[in-house]
Amino acid sequence: MTIHILEDSALEYMILSKKLLKGGYEPQQLIQYKWLRDLLKASVSVGDIILSDLHVPDSNGIETVYKIKEHFPDNRVIAHTGSLLQEFSDQDRARFEFLIKGEYETADLVKFLNNGRSH
């Protein structure tokens, strides 16, 4: 399994990748994209996870994960955001998984990725 990470902030990517590596993922399992257009051109296998910031240079807000899910309907798409869940509609919260930046430890992140949805 590969984790495709859409994150344009070098600092946020470094924090996330350090936690993933500490949690047992291998460097070759992590692929970073800074632009949504690059992710949408990528070869993503069924079973891969897409972890996406909501604010990148060529997309903004919840529409980012809607575009990803439309392009990769069979993949797990997780919104990685600094926003509070209350900022999203009930429909958005039901359709996507959310991981709040800075609100989890390594063990929580690994458990979340391995076990699926956990609000």
N, C-alpha and C. Protein backbone atom coordinates (compact mmCIF):
# COMPACT_ATOMS: atom_id res chain seq x y z
N MET A 1 0.83 -1.18 0.00
CA MET A 1 0.00 0.00 0.00
C MET A 1 0.88 1.24 0.00
N THR A 2 0.48 2.20 -0.82
CA THR A 2 1.16 3.48 -0.89
C THR A 2 0.25 4.55 -0.32
N ILE A 3 0.84 5.52 0.34
CA ILE A 3 0.08 6.66 0.83
C ILE A 3 0.47 7.86 -0.03
N HIS A 4 -0.48 8.35 -0.79
CA HIS A 4 -0.28 9.52 -1.65
C HIS A 4 -0.69 10.74 -0.83
N ILE A 5 0.24 11.65 -0.63
CA ILE A 5 0.02 12.79 0.26
C ILE A 5 0.03 14.08 -0.55
N LEU A 6 -1.13 14.73 -0.59
CA LEU A 6 -1.22 16.03 -1.24
C LEU A 6 -1.03 17.09 -0.15
N GLU A 7 0.15 17.68 -0.13
CA GLU A 7 0.51 18.66 0.90
C GLU A 7 1.57 19.59 0.32
N ASP A 8 1.27 20.87 0.23
CA ASP A 8 2.22 21.81 -0.35
C ASP A 8 3.17 22.42 0.69
N SER A 9 2.87 22.27 1.96
CA SER A 9 3.73 22.81 3.01
C SER A 9 4.84 21.80 3.35
N ALA A 10 6.08 22.22 3.18
CA ALA A 10 7.21 21.33 3.49
C ALA A 10 7.20 20.94 4.97
N LEU A 11 6.86 21.89 5.83
CA LEU A 11 6.83 21.61 7.27
C LEU A 11 5.75 20.59 7.62
N GLU A 12 4.54 20.78 7.10
CA GLU A 12 3.45 19.84 7.38
C GLU A 12 3.78 18.45 6.84
N TYR A 13 4.37 18.39 5.64
CA TYR A 13 4.74 17.09 5.08
C TYR A 13 5.81 16.42 5.94
N MET A 14 6.78 17.20 6.40
CA MET A 14 7.84 16.64 7.25
C MET A 14 7.26 16.06 8.54
N ILE A 15 6.36 16.78 9.18
CA ILE A 15 5.74 16.31 10.43
C ILE A 15 4.97 15.02 10.17
N LEU A 16 4.15 15.02 9.12
CA LEU A 16 3.35 13.84 8.80
C LEU A 16 4.22 12.66 8.41
N SER A 17 5.21 12.87 7.56
CA SER A 17 6.05 11.75 7.12
C SER A 17 6.88 11.19 8.27
N LYS A 18 7.34 12.03 9.17
CA LYS A 18 8.08 11.53 10.34
C LYS A 18 7.20 10.62 11.19
N LYS A 19 5.95 11.01 11.37
CA LYS A 19 5.03 10.17 12.14
C LYS A 19 4.77 8.85 11.42
N LEU A 20 4.60 8.91 10.11
CA LEU A 20 4.34 7.69 9.35
C LEU A 20 5.55 6.75 9.39
N LEU A 21 6.73 7.30 9.24
CA LEU A 21 7.95 6.49 9.30
C LEU A 21 8.13 5.90 10.69
N LYS A 22 7.90 6.69 11.71
CA LYS A 22 7.98 6.21 13.09
C LYS A 22 6.94 5.12 13.35
N GLY A 23 5.80 5.22 12.65
CA GLY A 23 4.73 4.25 12.81
C GLY A 23 4.92 2.97 12.01
N GLY A 24 6.03 2.86 11.29
CA GLY A 24 6.33 1.61 10.60
C GLY A 24 6.19 1.63 9.09
N TYR A 25 5.78 2.74 8.55
CA TYR A 25 5.71 2.82 7.09
C TYR A 25 7.11 3.03 6.53
N GLU A 26 7.33 2.58 5.31
CA GLU A 26 8.63 2.70 4.66
C GLU A 26 8.63 3.96 3.78
N PRO A 27 9.81 4.59 3.60
CA PRO A 27 9.88 5.80 2.77
C PRO A 27 9.29 5.62 1.37
N GLN A 28 9.49 4.46 0.77
CA GLN A 28 8.99 4.23 -0.58
C GLN A 28 7.46 4.09 -0.62
N GLN A 29 6.82 4.01 0.54
CA GLN A 29 5.37 3.96 0.61
C GLN A 29 4.74 5.35 0.61
N LEU A 30 5.54 6.39 0.72
CA LEU A 30 5.04 7.76 0.83
C LEU A 30 5.40 8.53 -0.43
N ILE A 31 4.40 9.12 -1.06
CA ILE A 31 4.63 9.95 -2.24
C ILE A 31 3.96 11.29 -1.99
N GLN A 32 4.75 12.36 -2.12
CA GLN A 32 4.22 13.71 -1.89
C GLN A 32 3.90 14.39 -3.22
N TYR A 33 2.80 15.11 -3.22
CA TYR A 33 2.40 15.96 -4.33
C TYR A 33 2.12 17.35 -3.75
N LYS A 34 2.52 18.38 -4.46
CA LYS A 34 2.25 19.74 -4.00
C LYS A 34 1.08 20.37 -4.75
N TRP A 35 0.72 19.77 -5.88
CA TRP A 35 -0.33 20.29 -6.73
C TRP A 35 -1.37 19.19 -6.97
N LEU A 36 -2.64 19.55 -6.90
CA LEU A 36 -3.71 18.59 -7.18
C LEU A 36 -3.56 18.01 -8.58
N ARG A 37 -3.21 18.83 -9.55
CA ARG A 37 -3.08 18.35 -10.93
C ARG A 37 -2.07 17.21 -11.04
N ASP A 38 -1.00 17.25 -10.25
CA ASP A 38 0.00 16.18 -10.29
C ASP A 38 -0.54 14.89 -9.68
N LEU A 39 -1.29 15.01 -8.61
CA LEU A 39 -1.91 13.82 -8.01
C LEU A 39 -2.88 13.19 -8.99
N LEU A 40 -3.68 14.00 -9.66
CA LEU A 40 -4.70 13.46 -10.57
C LEU A 40 -4.08 12.76 -11.78
N LYS A 41 -2.82 13.04 -12.09
CA LYS A 41 -2.11 12.38 -13.18
C LYS A 41 -1.37 11.12 -12.71
N ALA A 42 -1.31 10.91 -11.41
CA ALA A 42 -0.49 9.84 -10.84
C ALA A 42 -1.13 8.47 -11.03
N SER A 43 -0.28 7.47 -10.94
CA SER A 43 -0.74 6.09 -10.97
C SER A 43 -1.05 5.68 -9.53
N VAL A 44 -2.33 5.59 -9.23
CA VAL A 44 -2.78 5.25 -7.89
C VAL A 44 -3.49 3.91 -7.96
N SER A 45 -3.01 2.94 -7.20
CA SER A 45 -3.60 1.60 -7.21
C SER A 45 -4.77 1.52 -6.24
N VAL A 46 -5.73 0.66 -6.57
CA VAL A 46 -6.82 0.40 -5.62
C VAL A 46 -6.17 -0.14 -4.35
N GLY A 47 -6.59 0.35 -3.22
CA GLY A 47 -5.98 -0.04 -1.95
C GLY A 47 -5.03 1.01 -1.42
N ASP A 48 -4.55 1.88 -2.30
CA ASP A 48 -3.71 2.99 -1.85
C ASP A 48 -4.59 4.00 -1.12
N ILE A 49 -3.98 4.72 -0.21
CA ILE A 49 -4.68 5.77 0.54
C ILE A 49 -4.24 7.12 0.01
N ILE A 50 -5.19 8.04 -0.09
CA ILE A 50 -4.88 9.41 -0.49
C ILE A 50 -5.19 10.31 0.70
N LEU A 51 -4.16 10.97 1.18
CA LEU A 51 -4.26 11.86 2.34
C LEU A 51 -4.05 13.28 1.81
N SER A 52 -5.07 14.11 1.90
CA SER A 52 -5.03 15.39 1.22
C SER A 52 -5.26 16.59 2.12
N ASP A 53 -4.34 17.54 2.02
CA ASP A 53 -4.59 18.86 2.59
C ASP A 53 -5.74 19.46 1.78
N LEU A 54 -6.49 20.35 2.37
CA LEU A 54 -7.61 20.95 1.65
C LEU A 54 -7.23 22.23 0.91
N HIS A 55 -6.09 22.79 1.25
CA HIS A 55 -5.68 24.05 0.64
C HIS A 55 -4.32 23.88 -0.01
N VAL A 56 -4.33 23.71 -1.32
CA VAL A 56 -3.10 23.58 -2.12
C VAL A 56 -3.16 24.64 -3.22
N PRO A 57 -2.05 24.91 -3.90
CA PRO A 57 -2.04 26.02 -4.86
C PRO A 57 -3.14 25.99 -5.93
N ASP A 58 -3.54 24.81 -6.36
CA ASP A 58 -4.53 24.76 -7.46
C ASP A 58 -5.90 24.23 -7.03
N SER A 59 -6.16 24.20 -5.74
CA SER A 59 -7.49 23.81 -5.27
C SER A 59 -7.64 24.30 -3.83
N ASN A 60 -8.89 24.57 -3.45
CA ASN A 60 -9.09 25.15 -2.13
C ASN A 60 -10.37 24.63 -1.50
N GLY A 61 -10.26 24.20 -0.26
CA GLY A 61 -11.43 23.79 0.50
C GLY A 61 -11.85 22.35 0.26
N ILE A 62 -13.04 22.04 0.70
CA ILE A 62 -13.57 20.67 0.64
C ILE A 62 -13.67 20.18 -0.81
N GLU A 63 -13.74 21.11 -1.77
CA GLU A 63 -13.80 20.71 -3.17
C GLU A 63 -12.58 19.89 -3.57
N THR A 64 -11.47 20.10 -2.88
CA THR A 64 -10.25 19.34 -3.18
C THR A 64 -10.49 17.85 -3.05
N VAL A 65 -11.06 17.41 -1.93
CA VAL A 65 -11.28 15.96 -1.76
C VAL A 65 -12.42 15.46 -2.63
N TYR A 66 -13.39 16.31 -2.95
CA TYR A 66 -14.44 15.90 -3.89
C TYR A 66 -13.83 15.60 -5.26
N LYS A 67 -12.91 16.45 -5.72
CA LYS A 67 -12.24 16.23 -7.01
C LYS A 67 -11.42 14.94 -6.98
N ILE A 68 -10.72 14.72 -5.87
CA ILE A 68 -9.91 13.50 -5.76
C ILE A 68 -10.80 12.27 -5.78
N LYS A 69 -11.86 12.28 -5.02
CA LYS A 69 -12.76 11.12 -4.94
C LYS A 69 -13.43 10.85 -6.28
N GLU A 70 -13.75 11.92 -7.01
CA GLU A 70 -14.33 11.75 -8.34
C GLU A 70 -13.34 11.06 -9.28
N HIS A 71 -12.07 11.43 -9.16
CA HIS A 71 -11.02 10.86 -10.03
C HIS A 71 -10.59 9.46 -9.59
N PHE A 72 -10.61 9.22 -8.28
CA PHE A 72 -10.20 7.92 -7.72
C PHE A 72 -11.34 7.38 -6.84
N PRO A 73 -12.45 6.96 -7.44
CA PRO A 73 -13.63 6.57 -6.66
C PRO A 73 -13.44 5.35 -5.78
N ASP A 74 -12.47 4.51 -6.10
CA ASP A 74 -12.28 3.27 -5.33
C ASP A 74 -11.23 3.38 -4.24
N ASN A 75 -10.67 4.57 -4.07
CA ASN A 75 -9.63 4.75 -3.07
C ASN A 75 -10.16 5.47 -1.84
N ARG A 76 -9.52 5.18 -0.74
CA ARG A 76 -9.82 5.86 0.51
C ARG A 76 -9.20 7.25 0.44
N VAL A 77 -10.02 8.27 0.64
CA VAL A 77 -9.56 9.65 0.58
C VAL A 77 -9.79 10.28 1.96
N ILE A 78 -8.72 10.78 2.55
CA ILE A 78 -8.77 11.36 3.88
C ILE A 78 -8.38 12.83 3.79
N ALA A 79 -9.23 13.69 4.32
CA ALA A 79 -8.93 15.12 4.37
C ALA A 79 -8.04 15.38 5.59
N HIS A 80 -6.86 15.92 5.34
CA HIS A 80 -5.91 16.25 6.40
C HIS A 80 -5.96 17.76 6.54
N THR A 81 -6.57 18.24 7.61
CA THR A 81 -6.89 19.65 7.70
C THR A 81 -6.62 20.24 9.07
N GLY A 82 -6.42 21.53 9.08
CA GLY A 82 -6.28 22.26 10.33
C GLY A 82 -7.61 22.84 10.78
N SER A 83 -8.64 22.65 9.97
CA SER A 83 -9.98 23.17 10.30
C SER A 83 -10.69 22.25 11.28
N LEU A 84 -11.66 22.80 11.97
CA LEU A 84 -12.49 22.01 12.88
C LEU A 84 -13.57 21.30 12.09
N LEU A 85 -13.96 20.11 12.52
CA LEU A 85 -14.98 19.34 11.80
C LEU A 85 -16.29 20.08 11.70
N GLN A 86 -16.61 20.93 12.66
CA GLN A 86 -17.86 21.67 12.64
C GLN A 86 -17.96 22.61 11.44
N GLU A 87 -16.83 22.90 10.82
CA GLU A 87 -16.81 23.79 9.66
C GLU A 87 -17.33 23.10 8.39
N PHE A 88 -17.51 21.78 8.46
CA PHE A 88 -17.93 21.02 7.29
C PHE A 88 -19.38 20.57 7.45
N SER A 89 -20.06 20.40 6.34
CA SER A 89 -21.46 19.98 6.39
C SER A 89 -21.57 18.53 6.85
N ASP A 90 -22.76 18.15 7.27
CA ASP A 90 -23.01 16.76 7.66
C ASP A 90 -22.72 15.83 6.48
N GLN A 91 -23.08 16.27 5.28
CA GLN A 91 -22.83 15.46 4.08
C GLN A 91 -21.32 15.25 3.88
N ASP A 92 -20.54 16.30 4.04
CA ASP A 92 -19.09 16.19 3.89
C ASP A 92 -18.51 15.23 4.94
N ARG A 93 -18.96 15.37 6.19
CA ARG A 93 -18.44 14.53 7.27
C ARG A 93 -18.85 13.07 7.08
N ALA A 94 -19.98 12.83 6.45
CA ALA A 94 -20.43 11.46 6.20
C ALA A 94 -19.68 10.84 5.02
N ARG A 95 -19.30 11.65 4.06
CA ARG A 95 -18.67 11.13 2.85
C ARG A 95 -17.16 10.92 3.00
N PHE A 96 -16.51 11.77 3.78
CA PHE A 96 -15.05 11.72 3.89
C PHE A 96 -14.59 11.49 5.32
N GLU A 97 -13.39 10.98 5.41
CA GLU A 97 -12.73 10.87 6.71
C GLU A 97 -11.89 12.13 6.89
N PHE A 98 -11.77 12.58 8.11
CA PHE A 98 -11.00 13.78 8.42
C PHE A 98 -9.96 13.46 9.47
N LEU A 99 -8.78 13.99 9.27
CA LEU A 99 -7.69 13.88 10.21
C LEU A 99 -7.26 15.31 10.52
N ILE A 100 -7.41 15.72 11.76
CA ILE A 100 -7.12 17.10 12.14
C ILE A 100 -5.64 17.25 12.45
N LYS A 101 -4.98 18.14 11.73
CA LYS A 101 -3.53 18.35 11.90
C LYS A 101 -3.20 18.70 13.34
N GLY A 102 -2.17 18.05 13.86
CA GLY A 102 -1.69 18.34 15.20
C GLY A 102 -2.51 17.73 16.32
N GLU A 103 -3.57 17.02 15.99
CA GLU A 103 -4.47 16.49 17.02
C GLU A 103 -4.30 14.98 17.24
N TYR A 104 -3.19 14.43 16.82
CA TYR A 104 -3.00 12.99 16.96
C TYR A 104 -1.53 12.65 17.17
N GLU A 105 -1.33 11.53 17.83
CA GLU A 105 0.02 10.99 18.04
C GLU A 105 0.28 9.93 16.97
N THR A 106 1.51 9.47 16.88
CA THR A 106 1.88 8.47 15.88
C THR A 106 1.02 7.22 15.97
N ALA A 107 0.83 6.69 17.16
CA ALA A 107 0.04 5.46 17.32
C ALA A 107 -1.39 5.66 16.85
N ASP A 108 -1.96 6.83 17.13
CA ASP A 108 -3.32 7.14 16.69
C ASP A 108 -3.39 7.21 15.16
N LEU A 109 -2.39 7.80 14.54
CA LEU A 109 -2.34 7.92 13.09
C LEU A 109 -2.28 6.54 12.43
N VAL A 110 -1.41 5.69 12.92
CA VAL A 110 -1.26 4.35 12.36
C VAL A 110 -2.55 3.55 12.54
N LYS A 111 -3.14 3.63 13.71
CA LYS A 111 -4.40 2.93 13.97
C LYS A 111 -5.49 3.44 13.03
N PHE A 112 -5.57 4.74 12.87
CA PHE A 112 -6.56 5.35 11.98
C PHE A 112 -6.38 4.85 10.55
N LEU A 113 -5.15 4.85 10.05
CA LEU A 113 -4.89 4.41 8.69
C LEU A 113 -5.14 2.92 8.50
N ASN A 114 -4.83 2.13 9.50
CA ASN A 114 -4.99 0.68 9.39
C ASN A 114 -6.43 0.21 9.59
N ASN A 115 -7.19 0.94 10.40
CA ASN A 115 -8.52 0.47 10.76
C ASN A 115 -9.67 1.21 10.12
N GLY A 116 -9.39 2.23 9.37
CA GLY A 116 -10.47 2.92 8.69
C GLY A 116 -11.09 4.03 9.51
N ARG A 117 -12.26 4.39 9.08
CA ARG A 117 -12.98 5.56 9.60
C ARG A 117 -13.06 5.54 11.12
N SER A 118 -12.69 6.68 11.71
CA SER A 118 -12.85 6.82 13.16
C SER A 118 -12.98 8.30 13.47
N HIS A 119 -14.18 8.75 13.64
CA HIS A 119 -14.41 10.18 13.95
C HIS A 119 -14.37 10.35 15.43
